[in-house]
Amino acid sequence: MFKHIVMWRFIDGAGGKSKGEHAQWVKEHLEALVGVIPEIMSLEVGINVCSAGTAYDAVLVSTFETPEAMEAYKVHPAHVEVAGYFKGITEGRAEADYFI
């Protein structure tokens, strides 16, 4: 199996929303992809509660059978639509992919 993790820092006030509002939107819309994109084995989005200056605002933890399944998820129209939301609202992004 293959794990895909992404973390984001949002720009407070971008698009008229707070960092928390962006995180909530991302959680709702990414988690709604479960059952829509068949390659997703598991997917959850966590909203940060840590006040450290190095913290990210939200994290995606998802599992796929293979790296190819993850790539199919990335180009699925439903994911592409959600991913478009991130344009102009993030000031940082980190990603890690690994086999489990």
C-alpha atoms as a PDB file:
ATOM      1  CA  MET A   1       0.000   0.000   0.000  1.00  0.00           C
ATOM      2  CA  PHE A   2       0.974   3.613  -0.489  1.00  0.00           C
ATOM      3  CA  LYS A   3       0.505   6.607   1.833  1.00  0.00           C
ATOM      4  CA  HIS A   4       0.118  10.194   0.559  1.00  0.00           C
ATOM      5  CA  ILE A   5       0.386  13.063   3.069  1.00  0.00           C
ATOM      6  CA  VAL A   6       0.047  16.766   2.276  1.00  0.00           C
ATOM      7  CA  MET A   7       0.125  19.744   4.662  1.00  0.00           C
ATOM      8  CA  TRP A   8      -0.912  23.314   3.881  1.00  0.00           C
ATOM      9  CA  ARG A   9      -0.462  26.759   5.384  1.00  0.00           C
ATOM     10  CA  PHE A  10      -3.274  29.044   4.324  1.00  0.00           C
ATOM     11  CA  ILE A  11      -3.186  32.804   3.847  1.00  0.00           C
ATOM     12  CA  ASP A  12      -5.431  34.399   6.450  1.00  0.00           C
ATOM     13  CA  GLY A  13      -7.994  36.590   4.670  1.00  0.00           C
ATOM     14  CA  ALA A  14      -7.354  35.157   1.181  1.00  0.00           C
ATOM     15  CA  GLY A  15     -10.629  35.046  -0.699  1.00  0.00           C
ATOM     16  CA  GLY A  16     -12.320  36.692   2.270  1.00  0.00           C
ATOM     17  CA  LYS A  17     -11.883  33.632   4.508  1.00  0.00           C
ATOM     18  CA  SER A  18      -9.860  32.923   7.629  1.00  0.00           C
ATOM     19  CA  LYS A  19      -7.293  30.131   7.822  1.00  0.00           C
ATOM     20  CA  GLY A  20      -9.831  28.112   9.813  1.00  0.00           C
ATOM     21  CA  GLU A  21     -12.520  28.594   7.188  1.00  0.00           C
ATOM     22  CA  HIS A  22     -10.129  27.453   4.454  1.00  0.00           C
ATOM     23  CA  ALA A  23      -9.185  24.387   6.518  1.00  0.00           C
ATOM     24  CA  GLN A  24     -12.842  23.499   7.087  1.00  0.00           C
ATOM     25  CA  TRP A  25     -13.659  23.867   3.367  1.00  0.00           C
ATOM     26  CA  VAL A  26     -10.709  21.659   2.438  1.00  0.00           C
ATOM     27  CA  LYS A  27     -11.711  19.018   5.008  1.00  0.00           C
ATOM     28  CA  GLU A  28     -15.305  18.866   3.808  1.00  0.00           C
ATOM     29  CA  HIS A  29     -14.484  18.775   0.109  1.00  0.00           C
ATOM     30  CA  LEU A  30     -11.537  16.376   0.165  1.00  0.00           C
ATOM     31  CA  GLU A  31     -13.281  13.927   2.491  1.00  0.00           C
ATOM     32  CA  ALA A  32     -16.312  14.025   0.167  1.00  0.00           C
ATOM     33  CA  LEU A  33     -14.114  12.412  -2.530  1.00  0.00           C
ATOM     34  CA  VAL A  34     -14.241   9.087  -0.671  1.00  0.00           C
ATOM     35  CA  GLY A  35     -16.638   6.871  -2.615  1.00  0.00           C
ATOM     36  CA  VAL A  36     -16.396   9.161  -5.651  1.00  0.00           C
ATOM     37  CA  ILE A  37     -12.810   8.326  -6.622  1.00  0.00           C
ATOM     38  CA  PRO A  38     -12.486   4.535  -6.503  1.00  0.00           C
ATOM     39  CA  GLU A  39      -8.700   4.530  -5.999  1.00  0.00           C
ATOM     40  CA  ILE A  40      -9.000   6.061  -2.503  1.00  0.00           C
ATOM     41  CA  MET A  41      -8.615   3.353   0.143  1.00  0.00           C
ATOM     42  CA  SER A  42      -8.760   5.849   3.015  1.00  0.00           C
ATOM     43  CA  LEU A  43      -8.646   9.625   3.314  1.00  0.00           C
ATOM     44  CA  GLU A  44      -8.895  12.050   6.195  1.00  0.00           C
ATOM     45  CA  VAL A  45      -8.162  15.722   6.667  1.00  0.00           C
ATOM     46  CA  GLY A  46      -7.091  17.059  10.042  1.00  0.00           C
ATOM     47  CA  ILE A  47      -7.405  20.693  11.075  1.00  0.00           C
ATOM     48  CA  ASN A  48      -4.483  21.930  13.150  1.00  0.00           C
ATOM     49  CA  VAL A  49      -4.982  22.854  16.812  1.00  0.00           C
ATOM     50  CA  CYS A  50      -1.288  23.498  17.570  1.00  0.00           C
ATOM     51  CA  SER A  51      -0.239  27.123  18.108  1.00  0.00           C
ATOM     52  CA  ALA A  52       3.451  26.616  17.221  1.00  0.00           C
ATOM     53  CA  GLY A  53       4.738  28.998  14.569  1.00  0.00           C
ATOM     54  CA  THR A  54       6.019  26.061  12.529  1.00  0.00           C
ATOM     55  CA  ALA A  55       2.604  24.355  12.381  1.00  0.00           C
ATOM     56  CA  TYR A  56       0.612  23.854   9.207  1.00  0.00           C
ATOM     57  CA  ASP A  57      -3.112  24.626   9.121  1.00  0.00           C
ATOM     58  CA  ALA A  58      -4.413  21.356   7.676  1.00  0.00           C
ATOM     59  CA  VAL A  59      -3.122  17.908   6.793  1.00  0.00           C
ATOM     60  CA  LEU A  60      -4.359  15.274   4.344  1.00  0.00           C
ATOM     61  CA  VAL A  61      -3.559  11.631   5.089  1.00  0.00           C
ATOM     62  CA  SER A  62      -4.633   9.228   2.356  1.00  0.00           C
ATOM     63  CA  THR A  63      -3.944   5.628   1.401  1.00  0.00           C
ATOM     64  CA  PHE A  64      -3.851   3.997  -2.024  1.00  0.00           C
ATOM     65  CA  GLU A  65      -3.039   0.504  -3.233  1.00  0.00           C
ATOM     66  CA  THR A  66      -0.161   1.714  -5.436  1.00  0.00           C
ATOM     67  CA  PRO A  67       1.571   4.931  -6.523  1.00  0.00           C
ATOM     68  CA  GLU A  68      -0.267   4.561  -9.849  1.00  0.00           C
ATOM     69  CA  ALA A  69      -3.597   4.567  -8.011  1.00  0.00           C
ATOM     70  CA  MET A  70      -2.548   7.808  -6.290  1.00  0.00           C
ATOM     71  CA  GLU A  71      -1.690   9.323  -9.676  1.00  0.00           C
ATOM     72  CA  ALA A  72      -5.137   8.322 -10.989  1.00  0.00           C
ATOM     73  CA  TYR A  73      -6.677  10.085  -7.960  1.00  0.00           C
ATOM     74  CA  LYS A  74      -4.686  13.237  -8.676  1.00  0.00           C
ATOM     75  CA  VAL A  75      -6.027  13.551 -12.244  1.00  0.00           C
ATOM     76  CA  HIS A  76      -9.611  12.478 -11.490  1.00  0.00           C
ATOM     77  CA  PRO A  77     -11.950  15.365 -12.430  1.00  0.00           C
ATOM     78  CA  ALA A  78     -13.480  15.500  -8.932  1.00  0.00           C
ATOM     79  CA  HIS A  79     -10.027  15.905  -7.343  1.00  0.00           C
ATOM     80  CA  VAL A  80      -8.906  18.425  -9.957  1.00  0.00           C
ATOM     81  CA  GLU A  81     -11.975  20.529  -9.151  1.00  0.00           C
ATOM     82  CA  VAL A  82     -11.209  20.536  -5.408  1.00  0.00           C
ATOM     83  CA  ALA A  83      -7.488  21.133  -6.021  1.00  0.00           C
ATOM     84  CA  GLY A  84      -8.350  24.321  -7.926  1.00  0.00           C
ATOM     85  CA  TYR A  85      -9.486  25.855  -4.626  1.00  0.00           C
ATOM     86  CA  PHE A  86      -5.901  26.010  -3.372  1.00  0.00           C
ATOM     87  CA  LYS A  87      -4.762  28.522  -5.980  1.00  0.00           C
ATOM     88  CA  GLY A  88      -4.070  31.840  -4.268  1.00  0.00           C
ATOM     89  CA  ILE A  89      -4.928  30.728  -0.714  1.00  0.00           C
ATOM     90  CA  THR A  90      -1.751  28.880   0.338  1.00  0.00           C
ATOM     91  CA  GLU A  91       1.555  30.234   1.540  1.00  0.00           C
ATOM     92  CA  GLY A  92       3.135  26.853   2.169  1.00  0.00           C
ATOM     93  CA  ARG A  93       2.762  23.209   1.225  1.00  0.00           C
ATOM     94  CA  ALA A  94       4.650  20.056   2.192  1.00  0.00           C
ATOM     95  CA  GLU A  95       4.176  16.545   0.845  1.00  0.00           C
ATOM     96  CA  ALA A  96       5.412  13.047   1.668  1.00  0.00           C
ATOM     97  CA  ASP A  97       4.618   9.790  -0.124  1.00  0.00           C
ATOM     98  CA  TYR A  98       5.787   6.385   1.070  1.00  0.00           C
ATOM     99  CA  PHE A  99       5.101   2.661   0.960  1.00  0.00           C
ATOM    100  CA  ILE A 100       3.539   0.996   4.001  1.00  0.00           C
END
